[in-house]
Amino acid sequence: MDETASEKTASMTFSTIKKHVIGIQATVFAFLILLVWAAEIFQLPSRLFGAARMPPNFAKCAFETIEILFGCSLCLYFSQQLLQYVRYLEGFVSICANCKKVRHNGRWIPIESYISDRSETKFSHGICPACAKELYGVEMKES
């Protein structure tokens, strides 16, 4: 059975998504740092664009690396903040006011199934004293 991209994303846990986002960002910043040093060591501007050859300036590379790391730390910090906010928003569950089914991926499923699929929770059914009185006219003790 083939899963669509949205079904695969929906089935991924939040921590997995967070790890992917942070990992991709860290990889991109590491590549930028590598590119800065490679350009200086291998004289890429002169080789690619015919610019005049200059002696390597490692102090400039170190400064650019610090700038990239600062940008990286800001980007990672704000990404984590945004991901936490997304997790907060995903915490809202659309539930039917009448039958108490939960809307998930465009389908309405029983709340018991929804919770059981996402936790170790097992359900058993009973009846509360208020419903017993309303449905059967029986007085039950609160316990």
Protein backbone atom coordinates (compact mmCIF):
# COMPACT_ATOMS: atom_id res chain seq x y z
CA MET A 1 0.00 0.00 0.00
CA ASP A 2 1.52 3.30 -1.11
CA GLU A 3 1.47 6.18 1.35
CA THR A 4 1.14 9.73 0.10
CA ALA A 5 3.58 12.40 1.30
CA SER A 6 0.98 13.90 3.65
CA GLU A 7 0.23 10.50 5.17
CA LYS A 8 3.96 9.87 5.71
CA THR A 9 4.37 13.28 7.34
CA ALA A 10 1.29 12.72 9.49
CA SER A 11 2.62 9.36 10.64
CA MET A 12 6.00 10.83 11.66
CA THR A 13 6.33 11.79 15.28
CA PHE A 14 6.99 15.37 16.23
CA SER A 15 10.46 14.56 17.55
CA THR A 16 11.36 12.87 14.24
CA ILE A 17 10.23 15.92 12.27
CA LYS A 18 12.15 18.21 14.62
CA LYS A 19 15.31 16.12 14.19
CA HIS A 20 14.94 16.24 10.40
CA VAL A 21 14.48 20.03 10.32
CA ILE A 22 17.37 20.72 12.68
CA GLY A 23 19.58 18.19 10.88
CA ILE A 24 18.92 19.72 7.46
CA GLN A 25 19.64 23.22 8.74
CA ALA A 26 22.86 22.14 10.46
CA THR A 27 23.97 20.35 7.28
CA VAL A 28 23.39 23.46 5.16
CA PHE A 29 25.36 25.64 7.57
CA ALA A 30 28.20 23.09 7.70
CA PHE A 31 28.28 23.12 3.90
CA LEU A 32 28.50 26.93 3.91
CA ILE A 33 31.44 26.83 6.30
CA LEU A 34 33.13 24.18 4.16
CA LEU A 35 32.56 26.33 1.07
CA VAL A 36 34.11 29.41 2.73
CA TRP A 37 37.27 27.49 3.64
CA ALA A 38 37.46 25.62 0.31
CA ALA A 39 37.15 28.90 -1.60
CA GLU A 40 40.09 30.33 0.31
CA ILE A 41 42.32 27.24 0.33
CA PHE A 42 41.76 26.23 -3.30
CA GLN A 43 41.53 29.79 -4.71
CA LEU A 44 38.07 29.06 -6.18
CA PRO A 45 37.33 32.65 -7.29
CA SER A 46 40.48 32.76 -9.45
CA ARG A 47 39.89 29.26 -10.82
CA LEU A 48 36.20 29.73 -11.58
CA PHE A 49 36.02 33.38 -12.58
CA GLY A 50 39.57 34.26 -13.57
CA ALA A 51 40.06 36.68 -10.68
CA ALA A 52 43.57 37.66 -9.65
CA ARG A 53 45.23 35.14 -7.34
CA MET A 54 45.58 36.32 -3.78
CA PRO A 55 47.34 34.68 -0.84
CA PRO A 56 44.97 32.77 1.48
CA ASN A 57 43.45 34.95 4.19
CA PHE A 58 42.65 32.55 7.01
CA ALA A 59 41.68 35.34 9.41
CA LYS A 60 38.92 36.32 6.96
CA CYS A 61 37.78 32.67 6.80
CA ALA A 62 37.71 32.44 10.58
CA PHE A 63 35.65 35.64 10.82
CA GLU A 64 33.21 34.40 8.14
CA THR A 65 32.95 31.07 9.99
CA ILE A 66 32.04 32.92 13.19
CA GLU A 67 29.42 34.92 11.27
CA ILE A 68 27.94 31.73 9.81
CA LEU A 69 27.90 30.02 13.22
CA PHE A 70 26.14 33.04 14.74
CA GLY A 71 23.55 32.96 11.94
CA CYS A 72 23.23 29.20 12.38
CA SER A 73 22.61 29.48 16.11
CA LEU A 74 19.92 32.14 15.54
CA CYS A 75 18.30 30.07 12.82
CA LEU A 76 18.30 26.89 14.92
CA TYR A 77 16.96 28.74 17.97
CA PHE A 78 14.07 30.33 16.08
CA SER A 79 13.33 27.06 14.25
CA GLN A 80 13.02 25.27 17.58
CA GLN A 81 10.73 28.02 18.87
CA LEU A 82 8.54 27.77 15.76
CA LEU A 83 8.46 23.98 15.94
CA GLN A 84 7.34 24.18 19.58
CA TYR A 85 4.56 26.57 18.53
CA VAL A 86 3.52 24.19 15.75
CA ARG A 87 3.44 21.36 18.28
CA TYR A 88 1.25 23.53 20.53
CA LEU A 89 -1.12 24.22 17.63
CA GLU A 90 -1.18 20.54 16.68
CA GLY A 91 -2.24 19.88 20.26
CA PHE A 92 -5.71 21.19 19.42
CA VAL A 93 -7.97 18.30 18.52
CA SER A 94 -11.17 18.78 16.53
CA ILE A 95 -13.83 16.76 18.32
CA CYS A 96 -17.53 16.34 17.48
CA ALA A 97 -19.73 17.99 20.09
CA ASN A 98 -22.30 15.22 19.78
CA CYS A 99 -20.62 11.83 19.25
CA LYS A 100 -17.12 12.81 20.48
CA LYS A 101 -15.35 11.44 17.38
CA VAL A 102 -12.06 13.12 16.49
CA ARG A 103 -11.25 14.54 13.05
CA HIS A 104 -7.84 13.29 11.90
CA ASN A 105 -6.56 13.49 8.30
CA GLY A 106 -10.05 14.30 7.05
CA ARG A 107 -11.72 11.30 8.71
CA TRP A 108 -13.78 11.05 11.87
CA ILE A 109 -12.53 8.32 14.18
CA PRO A 110 -13.59 7.30 17.70
CA ILE A 111 -11.73 9.16 20.42
CA GLU A 112 -10.65 5.87 21.97
CA SER A 113 -8.90 4.85 18.73
CA TYR A 114 -7.33 8.29 18.35
CA ILE A 115 -5.81 8.23 21.83
CA SER A 116 -4.84 4.53 21.77
CA ASP A 117 -2.97 4.99 18.46
CA ARG A 118 -0.85 7.77 19.99
CA SER A 119 -0.19 6.42 23.46
CA GLU A 120 -0.11 3.30 25.58
CA THR A 121 -3.58 4.10 26.92
CA LYS A 122 -6.13 1.27 26.99
CA PHE A 123 -9.84 1.95 27.40
CA SER A 124 -12.66 0.22 29.17
CA HIS A 125 -16.17 1.53 29.23
CA GLY A 126 -18.41 2.31 32.12
CA ILE A 127 -21.13 4.78 32.86
CA CYS A 128 -20.94 7.82 35.08
CA PRO A 129 -23.61 8.43 37.77
CA ALA A 130 -25.14 11.40 35.91
CA CYS A 131 -25.60 9.40 32.68
CA ALA A 132 -26.94 6.37 34.59
CA LYS A 133 -29.60 8.58 36.15
CA GLU A 134 -30.42 10.29 32.83
CA LEU A 135 -30.53 7.10 30.73
CA TYR A 136 -31.83 4.49 33.20
CA GLY A 137 -33.24 6.46 36.12
CA VAL A 138 -30.81 4.70 38.44
CA GLU A 139 -29.03 6.48 41.26
CA MET A 140 -25.36 5.48 41.51
CA LYS A 141 -22.81 6.37 44.12
CA GLU A 142 -19.84 8.49 43.11
CA SER A 143 -16.76 6.28 43.26
